[in-house]
Protein backbone atom coordinates (compact mmCIF):
# COMPACT_ATOMS: atom_id res chain seq x y z
CA MET A 1 5.13 -21.83 -7.74
CA LYS A 2 1.46 -23.02 -7.50
CA ILE A 3 -0.55 -20.75 -5.42
CA VAL A 4 -4.32 -21.33 -4.79
CA ILE A 5 -6.68 -18.54 -3.87
CA ALA A 6 -9.95 -18.81 -2.36
CA GLY A 7 -12.06 -15.75 -3.14
CA ALA A 8 -12.05 -13.91 -6.34
CA GLY A 9 -13.37 -10.49 -5.05
CA GLY A 10 -11.26 -7.43 -4.67
CA ILE A 11 -8.34 -8.97 -2.52
CA GLY A 12 -8.29 -12.18 -4.30
CA PHE A 13 -8.44 -10.69 -8.00
CA HIS A 14 -5.61 -8.23 -7.05
CA LEU A 15 -3.43 -10.93 -5.68
CA ALA A 16 -4.01 -13.05 -8.62
CA LYS A 17 -3.20 -10.24 -10.93
CA LEU A 18 0.11 -9.56 -9.14
CA LEU A 19 1.11 -13.26 -8.86
CA SER A 20 -0.14 -14.29 -12.43
CA SER A 21 2.22 -11.45 -13.87
CA ASN A 22 5.06 -13.30 -12.09
CA ASN A 23 4.79 -16.62 -13.79
CA HIS A 24 3.11 -18.47 -10.89
CA ASP A 25 0.32 -21.30 -11.53
CA ILE A 26 -2.69 -19.75 -10.03
CA VAL A 27 -6.05 -21.48 -9.12
CA ILE A 28 -8.92 -19.07 -7.94
CA ILE A 29 -11.92 -20.94 -6.08
CA ASP A 30 -15.07 -18.97 -5.74
CA THR A 31 -18.96 -19.62 -5.41
CA ASN A 32 -19.84 -16.68 -7.70
CA HIS A 33 -19.88 -17.57 -11.48
CA ASP A 34 -19.68 -14.11 -12.58
CA VAL A 35 -16.45 -12.95 -10.68
CA LEU A 36 -14.68 -16.09 -11.82
CA GLU A 37 -15.64 -15.37 -15.30
CA TYR A 38 -14.27 -12.15 -15.08
CA ALA A 39 -10.95 -13.12 -13.50
CA SER A 40 -10.47 -15.84 -16.12
CA THR A 41 -11.08 -13.40 -19.01
CA HIS A 42 -8.67 -10.94 -17.56
CA LEU A 43 -6.16 -13.04 -16.11
CA ASP A 44 -3.88 -15.99 -16.76
CA VAL A 45 -5.46 -18.34 -13.95
CA ILE A 46 -7.32 -21.30 -13.56
CA THR A 47 -10.86 -21.02 -11.94
CA ILE A 48 -13.12 -23.38 -10.03
CA LEU A 49 -16.69 -22.73 -9.25
CA GLY A 50 -17.38 -24.03 -5.46
CA ASP A 51 -16.98 -23.57 -1.71
CA ALA A 52 -13.44 -23.55 -0.72
CA SER A 53 -14.25 -24.93 2.83
CA SER A 54 -15.25 -28.38 0.88
CA MET A 55 -12.24 -30.96 1.07
CA ALA A 56 -13.49 -31.93 -2.43
CA ILE A 57 -13.22 -28.55 -3.97
CA LEU A 58 -9.75 -28.08 -2.32
CA LYS A 59 -8.68 -31.42 -3.99
CA ASP A 60 -10.04 -30.43 -7.22
CA ALA A 61 -7.94 -27.43 -7.05
CA GLY A 62 -4.74 -29.60 -6.61
CA ILE A 63 -4.31 -28.12 -3.11
CA GLN A 64 -1.74 -31.05 -2.27
CA ASP A 65 0.66 -29.81 -4.89
CA ALA A 66 0.55 -26.04 -4.05
CA SER A 67 2.91 -24.09 -2.16
CA ILE A 68 0.59 -21.35 -0.78
CA PHE A 69 -3.11 -21.45 0.05
CA LEU A 70 -4.69 -17.91 0.46
CA ALA A 71 -8.13 -17.64 1.87
CA VAL A 72 -9.43 -14.30 1.39
CA THR A 73 -13.18 -14.59 0.97
CA THR A 74 -15.59 -12.07 2.59
CA LEU A 75 -16.77 -15.06 4.72
CA GLU A 76 -14.42 -15.38 7.97
CA ASN A 77 -15.58 -18.89 8.83
CA VAL A 78 -14.97 -20.08 5.36
CA ASN A 79 -11.38 -18.78 5.38
CA ILE A 80 -10.58 -20.37 8.64
CA VAL A 81 -12.04 -23.58 7.73
CA ALA A 82 -10.57 -23.82 4.26
CA ALA A 83 -7.01 -22.83 5.78
CA ILE A 84 -7.06 -25.53 8.06
CA LEU A 85 -8.16 -28.28 5.61
CA ALA A 86 -5.69 -26.73 3.17
CA LYS A 87 -2.98 -27.27 5.62
CA LYS A 88 -4.29 -30.90 6.44
CA LEU A 89 -4.25 -31.91 2.80
CA GLY A 90 -0.58 -30.92 2.34
CA VAL A 91 -0.30 -27.24 1.29
CA LYS A 92 2.96 -25.78 2.67
CA GLN A 93 1.73 -22.30 3.83
CA THR A 94 -1.73 -20.86 4.73
CA ILE A 95 -2.98 -17.33 4.94
CA ALA A 96 -6.37 -16.68 6.20
CA ARG A 97 -8.42 -13.21 6.15
CA ILE A 98 -9.82 -12.54 9.47
CA ASN A 99 -12.55 -9.56 10.33
CA SER A 100 -13.43 -9.93 13.88
CA MET A 101 -11.44 -8.21 16.45
CA THR A 102 -11.91 -11.32 19.03
CA ASN A 103 -10.18 -13.67 16.36
CA LEU A 104 -7.37 -10.92 16.05
CA GLN A 105 -6.33 -11.48 19.71
CA GLN A 106 -2.86 -12.93 20.43
CA ASP A 107 -4.35 -16.20 21.98
CA ALA A 108 -6.74 -16.62 19.04
CA LYS A 109 -3.69 -16.09 16.54
CA GLN A 110 -1.89 -18.85 18.63
CA ALA A 111 -4.75 -21.18 18.46
CA PHE A 112 -5.21 -20.79 14.84
CA MET A 113 -1.30 -21.27 14.35
CA GLU A 114 -1.67 -24.49 16.19
CA LEU A 115 -4.67 -25.49 13.70
CA GLY A 116 -2.47 -25.02 10.84
CA ILE A 117 -3.16 -21.27 9.79
CA ASP A 118 0.47 -19.74 9.35
CA LYS A 119 -0.75 -16.16 9.10
CA ILE A 120 -3.98 -14.23 9.66
CA ILE A 121 -4.49 -10.65 8.14
CA SER A 122 -7.31 -8.00 8.70
CA PRO A 123 -7.79 -5.80 5.82
CA SER A 124 -9.46 -2.98 8.35
CA LEU A 125 -6.53 -3.01 10.75
CA LEU A 126 -3.97 -2.85 7.92
CA ALA A 127 -5.95 0.20 6.43
CA SER A 128 -5.74 1.57 10.03
CA GLN A 129 -1.93 1.36 10.07
CA GLU A 130 -1.60 2.64 6.71
CA ILE A 131 -3.59 5.80 7.70
CA ILE A 132 -1.38 6.48 10.79
CA ARG A 133 1.60 6.07 8.49
CA LEU A 134 0.22 8.84 6.18
CA ILE A 135 -0.68 10.98 9.13
CA LYS A 136 2.89 10.79 10.38
CA SER A 137 4.17 11.51 6.83
CA GLY A 138 3.49 15.29 7.46
CA GLN A 139 3.59 17.30 4.30
CA ALA A 140 4.61 14.46 2.14
CA THR A 141 1.92 12.25 0.83
CA ASP A 142 3.82 9.35 1.77
CA ARG A 143 6.93 8.58 3.52
CA PHE A 144 8.95 5.41 4.30
CA ASP A 145 12.12 5.27 6.23
CA PHE A 146 15.08 2.78 5.73
CA GLU A 147 18.19 2.04 7.58
CA ASN A 148 17.01 3.35 11.00
CA GLY A 149 15.97 6.84 9.32
CA LYS A 150 19.12 7.59 7.35
CA VAL A 151 17.39 7.03 4.00
CA THR A 152 13.82 8.22 3.17
CA LEU A 153 11.35 7.30 0.44
CA ILE A 154 8.75 10.05 0.15
CA GLY A 155 6.19 11.13 -2.26
CA ALA A 156 5.00 14.66 -2.79
CA THR A 157 3.07 16.93 -5.47
CA VAL A 158 4.83 19.81 -7.64
CA HIS A 159 2.90 22.78 -6.54
CA SER A 160 2.58 25.88 -8.64
CA THR A 161 5.36 27.69 -6.78
CA SER A 162 7.97 24.98 -7.30
CA GLU A 163 11.11 26.02 -8.70
CA TYR A 164 11.27 22.52 -10.84
CA ILE A 165 8.48 22.86 -13.25
CA ASP A 166 9.53 23.02 -16.62
CA LYS A 167 13.14 21.40 -15.72
CA THR A 168 14.38 18.28 -16.65
CA ILE A 169 15.59 15.49 -14.26
CA GLY A 170 19.09 16.23 -15.39
CA GLN A 171 18.70 19.95 -14.60
CA ILE A 172 17.56 19.46 -11.26
CA LYS A 173 20.13 16.94 -10.28
CA GLU A 174 22.79 19.39 -11.16
CA LEU A 175 21.68 21.63 -8.30
CA LYS A 176 24.48 21.21 -5.67
CA HIS A 177 22.28 21.49 -2.67
CA LEU A 178 20.19 18.35 -3.46
CA THR A 179 21.32 14.79 -3.68
CA TYR A 180 18.33 12.21 -4.49
CA THR A 181 16.82 9.73 -6.80
CA PRO A 182 13.41 10.34 -8.31
CA ILE A 183 12.04 6.76 -8.96
CA ALA A 184 8.55 7.33 -10.09
CA ILE A 185 6.07 10.05 -11.39
CA LEU A 186 2.47 9.92 -11.36
CA ARG A 187 0.99 12.11 -14.31
CA ASP A 188 -2.69 11.70 -15.69
CA GLN A 189 -3.07 8.49 -13.81
CA LYS A 190 0.08 6.82 -15.43
CA THR A 191 3.35 5.59 -14.04
CA ILE A 192 6.45 6.98 -15.59
CA ILE A 193 9.96 6.02 -14.67
CA PRO A 194 11.92 9.18 -14.73
CA ARG A 195 14.89 9.67 -16.81
CA GLU A 196 17.44 12.33 -17.23
CA ASN A 197 15.34 14.11 -20.02
CA THR A 198 12.12 13.90 -18.20
CA VAL A 199 10.53 17.14 -17.91
CA ILE A 200 8.66 18.01 -14.43
CA GLN A 201 5.23 19.52 -14.85
CA LYS A 202 2.88 21.22 -12.46
CA GLY A 203 0.65 18.70 -10.63
CA ASP A 204 3.16 15.85 -11.18
CA HIS A 205 3.12 13.53 -8.09
CA ILE A 206 6.90 12.35 -7.54
CA TYR A 207 8.47 9.73 -5.38
CA PHE A 208 12.12 10.20 -4.42
CA ILE A 209 14.85 8.35 -2.44
CA LEU A 210 17.12 10.85 -0.57
CA TYR A 211 19.05 11.21 2.36
CA SER A 212 16.56 11.79 5.52
CA GLU A 213 18.35 15.22 6.24
CA ASN A 214 17.31 16.73 3.01
CA VAL A 215 13.55 15.80 3.05
CA GLU A 216 12.53 19.43 4.44
CA GLU A 217 14.51 21.14 1.75
CA LEU A 218 13.06 19.11 -0.99
CA LEU A 219 9.49 19.59 0.05
CA GLU A 220 10.28 23.35 -0.02
CA HIS A 221 11.35 23.20 -3.47
CA LEU A 222 8.25 21.28 -4.57
CA GLY A 223 6.19 24.27 -3.02
CA LYS A 224 4.66 22.40 -0.16
CA GLU A 225 4.31 24.38 2.97
CA SER A 226 5.14 22.54 6.55
CA ARG A 227 2.63 22.28 9.33
CA LYS A 228 2.37 20.35 12.52
CA ILE A 229 -0.45 18.08 12.71
CA LYS A 230 -2.67 18.59 15.73
CA ARG A 231 -6.53 18.02 14.91
CA ILE A 232 -7.82 15.12 13.03
CA MET A 233 -11.29 14.51 11.80
CA PHE A 234 -12.88 11.24 10.87
CA VAL A 235 -16.21 10.67 9.16
CA GLY A 236 -17.35 7.13 9.53
CA GLY A 237 -17.46 5.34 12.66
CA ASN A 238 -16.03 1.62 11.94
CA LEU A 239 -13.44 -0.70 12.77
CA ILE A 240 -10.97 1.39 10.71
CA SER A 241 -11.63 4.63 12.48
CA MET A 242 -12.00 3.16 15.88
CA GLU A 243 -8.80 1.66 16.08
CA THR A 244 -7.12 4.44 14.29
CA ALA A 245 -8.44 6.84 16.67
CA ARG A 246 -7.53 4.37 19.71
CA LEU A 247 -3.96 4.76 18.69
CA LEU A 248 -4.07 8.39 18.03
CA GLU A 249 -6.22 10.04 20.45
CA ASN A 250 -3.69 10.41 23.07
CA ASP A 251 -1.28 12.54 20.96
CA TYR A 252 -3.91 14.47 18.93
CA LYS A 253 -7.06 15.82 19.08
CA VAL A 254 -9.42 13.56 17.50
CA THR A 255 -12.96 13.85 16.33
CA ILE A 256 -15.35 11.23 14.64
CA ILE A 257 -18.54 11.69 12.88
CA GLU A 258 -20.90 8.88 12.89
CA GLN A 259 -24.45 8.78 11.58
CA SER A 260 -26.02 5.75 13.51
CA GLU A 261 -26.69 6.02 17.18
CA SER A 262 -25.55 2.41 17.83
CA GLY A 263 -22.33 3.29 16.03
CA CYS A 264 -21.57 6.34 18.33
CA LYS A 265 -22.46 4.10 21.54
CA LYS A 266 -19.77 1.63 20.33
CA LEU A 267 -17.13 4.38 19.73
CA VAL A 268 -17.90 5.93 23.17
CA ASP A 269 -17.52 2.65 24.81
CA GLN A 270 -14.06 1.85 23.02
CA LEU A 271 -12.49 5.29 23.15
CA SER A 272 -11.40 7.63 26.01
CA ASN A 273 -10.35 10.59 24.65
CA THR A 274 -12.06 11.16 21.09
CA LEU A 275 -14.97 13.49 20.55
CA VAL A 276 -17.78 11.46 18.96
CA ILE A 277 -20.37 13.40 17.28
CA LYS A 278 -23.77 11.86 15.75
CA GLY A 279 -24.59 13.32 12.39
CA ASP A 280 -24.77 12.89 8.64
CA PRO A 281 -21.01 12.41 7.22
CA SER A 282 -22.19 13.93 3.97
CA ASN A 283 -23.49 17.09 5.36
CA ILE A 284 -20.77 19.67 4.79
CA GLU A 285 -22.70 22.38 6.97
CA LEU A 286 -22.36 19.99 9.76
CA LEU A 287 -18.71 19.44 9.26
CA LYS A 288 -17.97 23.10 9.16
CA GLU A 289 -19.88 23.53 12.41
CA GLU A 290 -17.90 20.92 14.18
CA GLY A 291 -14.81 22.61 13.07
CA LEU A 292 -13.71 21.26 9.83
CA ASN A 293 -11.73 24.33 8.84
CA ARG A 294 -9.72 24.04 11.85
CA MET A 295 -8.62 20.32 11.16
CA ASP A 296 -5.14 19.52 9.94
CA VAL A 297 -6.17 16.12 8.52
CA PHE A 298 -9.57 14.86 7.46
CA ILE A 299 -10.18 11.19 7.00
CA SER A 300 -13.45 9.60 5.12
CA VAL A 301 -14.11 6.02 5.88
CA THR A 302 -17.74 5.51 5.35
CA GLY A 303 -19.07 2.84 3.45
CA ASN A 304 -19.90 4.93 0.36
CA ASN A 305 -17.14 5.67 -2.03
CA GLU A 306 -18.70 8.85 -3.55
CA THR A 307 -19.41 10.19 0.04
CA ASN A 308 -15.57 9.55 0.73
CA ILE A 309 -14.43 11.27 -2.22
CA ILE A 310 -16.56 14.43 -2.13
CA SER A 311 -16.11 15.05 1.56
CA ALA A 312 -12.40 14.82 1.04
CA LEU A 313 -12.57 17.35 -1.70
CA MET A 314 -14.69 19.59 0.32
CA ALA A 315 -12.04 19.26 3.23
CA SER A 316 -9.45 20.25 1.04
CA ASN A 317 -11.51 23.32 -0.23
CA GLU A 318 -11.91 24.40 3.22
CA GLY A 319 -8.22 24.30 3.90
CA VAL A 320 -7.41 21.11 5.44
CA TYR A 321 -3.87 20.22 5.18
CA LYS A 322 -4.15 16.53 4.31
CA ALA A 323 -7.21 14.86 2.99
CA ILE A 324 -7.57 10.97 2.96
CA ALA A 325 -10.41 9.13 1.30
CA LEU A 326 -11.22 5.34 1.81
CA VAL A 327 -12.75 3.77 -1.38
CA GLU A 328 -13.48 -0.05 -2.43
CA ASN A 329 -13.51 0.66 -6.27
CA LEU A 330 -9.97 -0.20 -7.60
CA ASP A 331 -10.59 2.14 -10.44
CA TYR A 332 -10.30 5.26 -7.92
CA THR A 333 -6.88 4.33 -6.58
CA HIS A 334 -5.01 5.94 -9.38
CA ILE A 335 -6.91 9.43 -9.46
CA SER A 336 -6.29 10.90 -6.16
CA GLN A 337 -3.62 13.35 -6.80
CA GLY A 338 -5.41 14.42 -10.11
CA ILE A 339 -8.70 15.33 -8.43
CA GLY A 340 -7.33 17.22 -5.28
CA VAL A 341 -7.57 14.24 -2.63
CA ASP A 342 -4.00 13.84 -1.05
CA THR A 343 -4.51 10.14 -0.98
CA ILE A 344 -6.95 7.62 -1.53
CA ILE A 345 -6.51 4.12 -0.09
CA ASN A 346 -8.16 0.86 -0.88
CA LYS A 347 -8.09 -1.61 2.12
CA LYS A 348 -8.38 -4.69 -0.37
CA VAL A 349 -5.45 -3.40 -2.03
CA ILE A 350 -3.54 -2.73 0.96
CA ALA A 351 -4.32 -6.31 2.08
CA ALA A 352 -3.18 -7.81 -1.05
CA ASN A 353 -0.02 -6.10 -1.18
CA TYR A 354 0.89 -7.22 2.40
CA ILE A 355 0.08 -10.77 1.51
CA PHE A 356 2.11 -10.47 -1.61
CA ARG A 357 5.33 -10.12 0.38
CA PHE A 358 5.04 -13.69 1.64
CA VAL A 359 5.42 -15.12 -1.97
CA ARG A 360 8.34 -13.33 -3.41
CA LYS A 361 11.41 -14.69 -4.63
CA GLY A 362 14.98 -13.56 -3.77
CA LYS A 363 16.42 -12.28 -0.58
CA VAL A 364 13.73 -9.49 0.23
CA GLU A 365 14.25 -7.05 3.10
CA ALA A 366 11.20 -5.12 2.57
CA ILE A 367 8.34 -4.46 0.11
CA ILE A 368 6.60 -1.00 -0.27
CA SER A 369 3.32 -0.50 -2.42
CA LEU A 370 2.97 3.39 -3.49
CA PRO A 371 -0.72 4.53 -3.97
CA GLY A 372 -1.43 4.83 -7.66
CA VAL A 373 1.90 3.39 -8.59
CA ASP A 374 1.66 0.21 -11.00
CA GLY A 375 4.67 -1.49 -9.23
CA GLU A 376 6.54 -1.85 -6.22
CA VAL A 377 9.43 -0.81 -4.30
CA ILE A 378 11.50 -3.60 -3.28
CA GLU A 379 14.50 -3.92 -0.98
CA TYR A 380 16.86 -6.64 -1.89
CA ILE A 381 19.91 -8.17 -0.33
CA ILE A 382 22.84 -9.47 -2.40
CA ASP A 383 23.53 -12.59 -0.45
CA LYS A 384 25.74 -14.28 -3.02
CA GLU A 385 28.18 -13.25 -6.06
CA SER A 386 26.43 -13.19 -9.36
CA LYS A 387 26.50 -11.18 -12.61
CA LEU A 388 25.09 -8.37 -10.49
CA THR A 389 28.40 -7.83 -8.84
CA ARG A 390 30.64 -8.26 -11.81
CA LYS A 391 29.32 -5.45 -14.12
CA PRO A 392 28.53 -1.71 -13.65
CA ILE A 393 24.57 -1.03 -13.23
CA LYS A 394 24.32 0.29 -16.73
CA LYS A 395 25.60 -3.23 -18.19
CA ILE A 396 23.38 -5.79 -15.98
CA LYS A 397 20.38 -5.17 -18.28
CA LEU A 398 17.84 -3.82 -15.70
CA PRO A 399 14.44 -3.70 -17.11
CA GLN A 400 13.54 -0.29 -18.66
CA GLN A 401 10.34 -0.57 -16.22
CA ALA A 402 12.67 -0.57 -13.42
CA VAL A 403 15.01 1.87 -11.59
CA ILE A 404 17.48 1.34 -8.73
CA GLY A 405 16.81 4.11 -6.15
CA VAL A 406 19.79 3.68 -3.62
CA ILE A 407 22.36 1.25 -2.65
CA ILE A 408 23.17 0.68 1.27
CA ARG A 409 26.74 -0.50 1.79
CA ALA A 410 27.47 -0.87 5.45
CA ASP A 411 27.17 2.51 6.78
CA GLN A 412 27.49 4.08 3.64
CA ILE A 413 24.57 5.56 1.56
CA ILE A 414 25.15 5.61 -2.20
CA ILE A 415 22.82 7.20 -4.91
CA PRO A 416 23.74 5.07 -7.61
CA THR A 417 24.99 5.95 -11.38
CA GLY A 418 25.25 3.97 -14.34
CA ASP A 419 29.00 3.22 -13.19
CA SER A 420 28.22 1.98 -9.64
CA ILE A 421 28.94 -1.73 -9.15
CA LEU A 422 26.94 -3.65 -6.66
CA GLN A 423 28.86 -5.75 -3.89
CA LEU A 424 28.03 -8.87 -1.77
CA GLY A 425 26.10 -7.57 1.18
CA ASP A 426 24.65 -4.70 -0.24
CA LYS A 427 21.02 -3.69 0.23
CA VAL A 428 19.42 -2.49 -2.89
CA ILE A 429 16.25 -0.50 -2.97
CA ILE A 430 14.28 -0.75 -6.36
CA LEU A 431 11.24 0.34 -7.98
CA ALA A 432 9.81 -2.22 -10.57
CA LEU A 433 6.79 -1.75 -12.41
CA THR A 434 4.38 -4.56 -12.29
CA GLN A 435 5.35 -6.12 -15.74
CA ALA A 436 9.07 -6.01 -14.67
CA ILE A 437 8.76 -7.30 -11.21
CA GLY A 438 9.26 -11.14 -12.51
CA ARG A 439 12.47 -10.08 -14.48
CA VAL A 440 13.78 -8.09 -11.36
CA GLU A 441 13.05 -10.97 -8.99
CA ASP A 442 15.23 -13.40 -11.29
CA MET A 443 18.06 -11.02 -11.40
CA PHE A 444 18.21 -10.93 -7.68
CA MET A 445 17.56 -14.48 -6.87
């Protein structure tokens, strides 16, 4: 499949990295020579220097032969014009990055669709949705439900009081009171596919798939206390915090610390039940005065990476139950649990992963990206007979960098073993590391 990407920044580069590893033909357009040179030396892509809103540049990129055009530059007008022109020139599907709230309204979306833009996305709003999901995950750092809540994928850290420390996966599975599948371990910024002989260590961050009714019990065994979320503090008054607070303020006590007077006024105008305080987000004494140690969740979304990480660390040290930091530097996304911050999020990665689901092969029901994990959780539907349905799982040659977490068969939830055999109509939830996604896709096509 040929895919043309306008913009080689954070979103464009991450998308190109994901797509090029899956044997797609990728062309990247950008006006910045340096970012194009970096992309060409790190990825298997073709680069074109120029303005993506130029018809001549789009033709040079071979847009008429492309299946998908992704307009993800930092300039909204360029994205809109480029996507419209790309559709006129024959590309099958167009996706454009939008930043302004007015262009995200339903009437604007409809107008864009009529002009030829099939899908618009906002990194800030996607980040807001991610924060809300993280808050509602409770003591787990991540939580995703499947099959109307019957099956759950959670992420949690192994604390010093956990009974699992120094035990192998095989030994833990022998505990009769728990049925689950560990699908990934984050350790020292590396992703490990757990096997029967993998030994659990203190500080490991583990992702499990299990019956939802066993979640609380599992978290207790991992040493994580339970707490009801009531109070939330944001530092940084931007679109992310404003939109998140708007959706949360009637169910939680929400406070936002914003440094600029104009920012505070905007927040007060847009929010009805949120406490807005003018102050320096990096001033820990101010945060303490405003009740930091009484907060259940602390979310730092200022424009400064270091301020966000340091303030989230300070919040954790003050006993805040869950600390979330927004960062722009992709290098930070793998270090959250290692430094004491519950979750680090990157809106560019969130946006890129969201777009990624629209260009996948196979009968895909859902795609989930786990913070820090070099791969994805994919839910496939087996919609035709194939070699997958003729052999036990242990004989279908699933890549070593992939693991089947659960099989959903009608109303039955199956934790698979090597002897399990997939059937037509099964839903299969798989974790695949980045380098294995292409091979897994081909198996489930």
